[in-house]
N, C-alpha and C. Protein backbone atom coordinates (compact mmCIF):
# COMPACT_ATOMS: atom_id res chain seq x y z
N MET A 1 77.43 78.26 116.16
CA MET A 1 77.68 79.40 116.84
C MET A 1 79.33 79.91 117.12
N LYS A 2 79.93 78.61 117.37
CA LYS A 2 81.34 78.71 117.69
C LYS A 2 82.12 78.94 116.18
N ALA A 3 81.69 78.55 115.02
CA ALA A 3 82.07 78.75 113.92
C ALA A 3 81.96 80.36 113.42
N THR A 4 80.79 80.91 113.82
CA THR A 4 80.39 82.29 113.67
C THR A 4 81.45 83.28 114.29
N VAL A 5 81.65 82.62 115.82
CA VAL A 5 82.64 83.50 116.46
C VAL A 5 84.20 83.40 116.04
N ALA A 6 84.40 82.15 115.59
CA ALA A 6 85.77 82.18 115.05
C ALA A 6 85.93 82.83 113.71
N VAL A 7 85.06 82.93 112.93
CA VAL A 7 85.00 83.65 111.63
C VAL A 7 85.20 85.07 111.96
N LEU A 8 84.45 85.57 113.03
CA LEU A 8 84.49 86.93 113.33
C LEU A 8 85.70 87.39 113.77
N CYS A 9 86.28 86.81 114.68
CA CYS A 9 87.68 86.82 115.41
C CYS A 9 88.75 86.83 114.30
N PHE A 10 88.56 85.93 113.29
CA PHE A 10 89.51 85.88 111.88
C PHE A 10 89.35 87.25 111.18
N LEU A 11 88.32 87.63 111.13
CA LEU A 11 87.91 88.83 110.24
C LEU A 11 88.49 90.14 110.92
N ALA A 12 88.25 90.25 112.22
CA ALA A 12 88.90 91.12 112.86
C ALA A 12 90.26 91.29 113.01
N ALA A 13 90.78 90.25 113.22
CA ALA A 13 92.13 90.18 113.12
C ALA A 13 92.73 90.58 111.78
N ALA A 14 92.15 90.03 110.66
CA ALA A 14 92.84 90.44 109.12
C ALA A 14 92.70 92.05 108.98
N VAL A 15 91.35 92.69 109.64
CA VAL A 15 91.24 94.24 109.34
C VAL A 15 92.33 94.68 110.26
N CYS A 16 92.63 94.25 111.54
CA CYS A 16 93.75 95.19 112.08
C CYS A 16 95.23 94.90 111.39
N VAL A 17 95.42 93.74 110.78
CA VAL A 17 96.56 93.48 110.18
C VAL A 17 96.72 94.71 108.88
N ILE A 18 95.42 94.51 108.21
CA ILE A 18 95.53 95.44 107.17
C ILE A 18 95.69 96.79 107.37
N ALA A 19 95.04 97.33 108.47
CA ALA A 19 95.19 98.82 108.73
C ALA A 19 96.50 99.12 109.35
N LEU A 20 97.37 98.12 109.92
CA LEU A 20 98.85 98.48 110.06
C LEU A 20 99.79 98.44 108.89
N LEU A 21 99.12 97.98 107.73
CA LEU A 21 100.30 98.07 106.56
C LEU A 21 100.79 99.50 106.21
N PRO A 22 99.87 100.25 106.13
CA PRO A 22 100.07 101.55 105.41
C PRO A 22 101.40 102.33 106.55
N GLU A 23 101.23 102.13 107.70
CA GLU A 23 102.16 102.61 108.76
C GLU A 23 103.72 101.83 108.26
N SER A 24 103.41 100.51 108.20
CA SER A 24 104.82 99.88 107.98
C SER A 24 105.51 100.32 106.76
N VAL A 25 104.63 100.49 105.71
CA VAL A 25 105.14 100.88 104.51
C VAL A 25 105.68 102.60 104.53
N CYS A 26 104.97 103.39 105.46
CA CYS A 26 105.81 104.76 105.42
C CYS A 26 106.90 104.71 106.32
N ARG A 27 106.94 103.66 107.42
CA ARG A 27 108.11 103.59 108.02
C ARG A 27 109.48 102.81 107.41
N ALA A 28 109.18 102.09 106.27
CA ALA A 28 110.11 101.49 105.53
C ALA A 28 111.19 102.47 105.21
N PRO A 29 112.47 101.77 105.16
CA PRO A 29 113.72 102.67 104.91
C PRO A 29 113.48 102.82 103.45
N HIS A 30 114.24 104.19 103.06
CA HIS A 30 114.41 104.55 101.92
C HIS A 30 115.29 103.86 101.10
N ALA A 31 114.83 103.12 100.04
CA ALA A 31 115.90 102.08 99.32
C ALA A 31 117.03 102.94 98.31
N THR A 32 118.04 102.78 98.52
CA THR A 32 119.03 103.54 97.38
C THR A 32 119.61 102.34 96.38
N THR A 33 119.44 102.55 95.14
CA THR A 33 119.84 101.87 94.30
C THR A 33 120.66 102.51 92.98
N LEU A 34 121.40 101.76 92.25
CA LEU A 34 122.26 102.31 91.26
C LEU A 34 121.41 102.03 89.86
N CYS A 35 120.92 103.21 89.27
CA CYS A 35 120.34 102.87 87.93
C CYS A 35 120.13 104.09 87.06
N ALA A 36 121.46 104.25 86.67
CA ALA A 36 121.42 105.41 85.92
C ALA A 36 120.74 105.73 84.81
N GLU A 37 120.62 104.44 84.02
CA GLU A 37 119.73 104.50 82.69
C GLU A 37 118.28 105.12 82.89
N THR A 38 117.85 104.37 84.22
CA THR A 38 116.22 104.67 84.33
C THR A 38 115.95 105.25 85.49
N ALA A 39 116.88 106.38 85.93
CA ALA A 39 116.71 107.05 87.01
C ALA A 39 115.48 107.93 86.47
N ARG A 40 114.81 108.52 87.42
CA ARG A 40 113.63 109.56 87.26
C ARG A 40 113.46 109.78 88.75
N THR A 41 112.57 111.00 88.45
CA THR A 41 112.16 111.92 89.80
C THR A 41 111.18 111.08 90.72
N MET A 42 111.25 110.58 91.75
CA MET A 42 110.57 109.86 92.57
C MET A 42 110.27 110.41 93.92
N TRP A 43 109.51 110.04 94.57
CA TRP A 43 109.34 110.61 95.95
C TRP A 43 108.93 109.36 97.18
N TYR A 44 109.50 109.82 98.29
CA TYR A 44 109.38 108.85 99.39
C TYR A 44 108.80 109.80 100.85
N PHE A 45 108.07 108.91 101.53
CA PHE A 45 107.72 109.75 102.76
C PHE A 45 108.90 109.53 103.96
N ASP A 46 109.14 110.84 104.36
CA ASP A 46 110.18 110.68 105.40
C ASP A 46 109.45 110.82 106.76
N TYR A 47 109.69 109.70 107.32
CA TYR A 47 108.75 109.59 108.75
C TYR A 47 109.29 110.46 109.56
N PHE A 48 110.33 111.01 109.70
CA PHE A 48 110.93 111.78 110.70
C PHE A 48 110.33 113.08 110.74
N THR A 49 110.35 113.68 109.33
CA THR A 49 109.73 115.13 109.15
C THR A 49 108.38 115.17 108.83
N ASN A 50 107.99 113.93 108.52
CA ASN A 50 106.19 113.49 108.29
C ASN A 50 106.05 114.65 106.94
N LYS A 51 107.02 114.24 105.82
CA LYS A 51 106.89 115.03 104.60
C LYS A 51 107.02 114.09 103.73
N CYS A 52 106.77 114.26 102.44
CA CYS A 52 107.16 113.55 101.21
C CYS A 52 108.20 114.42 100.38
N VAL A 53 109.46 113.70 99.98
CA VAL A 53 110.69 114.20 99.78
C VAL A 53 110.97 113.68 98.30
N SER A 54 111.42 114.52 97.61
CA SER A 54 111.62 114.27 96.00
C SER A 54 113.10 113.74 96.18
N TYR A 55 113.64 112.77 94.91
CA TYR A 55 114.78 112.26 94.95
C TYR A 55 115.09 111.72 93.47
N VAL A 56 116.03 111.64 92.93
CA VAL A 56 116.32 110.79 91.74
C VAL A 56 116.82 109.45 91.83
N GLY A 57 115.75 108.60 91.16
CA GLY A 57 116.34 107.17 91.35
C GLY A 57 115.48 106.21 90.72
N CYS A 58 115.28 105.00 91.02
CA CYS A 58 114.42 103.96 90.40
C CYS A 58 113.29 103.66 91.15
N GLY A 59 112.99 103.84 92.35
CA GLY A 59 111.75 103.65 92.95
C GLY A 59 111.60 102.08 93.26
N THR A 60 112.53 101.47 93.79
CA THR A 60 112.28 99.89 93.97
C THR A 60 111.84 99.35 95.36
N GLY A 61 111.86 100.63 96.27
CA GLY A 61 111.33 100.46 97.71
C GLY A 61 109.82 100.14 97.95
N LEU A 62 109.32 99.86 98.99
CA LEU A 62 107.92 99.95 99.33
C LEU A 62 107.78 101.48 99.56
N ASN A 63 108.55 102.22 100.14
CA ASN A 63 108.15 103.43 100.37
C ASN A 63 108.70 104.49 99.26
N ASP A 64 108.42 104.00 98.00
CA ASP A 64 108.71 104.98 96.81
C ASP A 64 107.41 105.01 95.93
N PHE A 65 107.25 106.35 95.62
CA PHE A 65 106.14 106.82 94.75
C PHE A 65 106.50 107.45 93.43
N GLY A 66 105.76 107.46 92.33
CA GLY A 66 105.94 108.12 91.33
C GLY A 66 105.56 109.39 91.18
N SER A 67 104.76 110.06 92.27
CA SER A 67 104.31 111.50 92.22
C SER A 67 104.32 111.93 93.61
N ALA A 68 104.35 113.35 93.66
CA ALA A 68 104.23 113.79 95.20
C ALA A 68 102.80 113.51 95.58
N LYS A 69 101.60 113.19 94.62
CA LYS A 69 100.27 113.14 95.00
C LYS A 69 100.07 111.92 95.40
N CYS A 70 100.74 110.98 94.71
CA CYS A 70 100.50 109.42 95.18
C CYS A 70 101.31 109.43 96.85
N CYS A 71 102.58 110.14 96.80
CA CYS A 71 102.95 109.92 98.03
C CYS A 71 102.05 110.36 99.42
N LYS A 72 101.33 111.64 98.99
CA LYS A 72 100.55 112.26 99.92
C LYS A 72 99.17 111.71 100.15
N ASP A 73 98.85 110.94 99.32
CA ASP A 73 97.43 110.28 99.37
C ASP A 73 97.60 109.13 100.03
N SER A 74 98.96 108.46 99.92
CA SER A 74 99.21 107.02 100.66
C SER A 74 99.43 107.43 102.24
């Protein structure tokens, strides 16, 4: 019985942590990098305006998406 309760508590904690990941990604700072040869149109979520914003860059951060749809769906 104690083992079952321990497993349930662990699973509940894991679900809570996983549920928090998307918000932490959305709040991640927009990375700026130098990549002239590989630069392409990318998208990031601007937490302050609550919108996806396009830019030209490399897409090396957590909050970088290859398309507007990917940004909005995330």
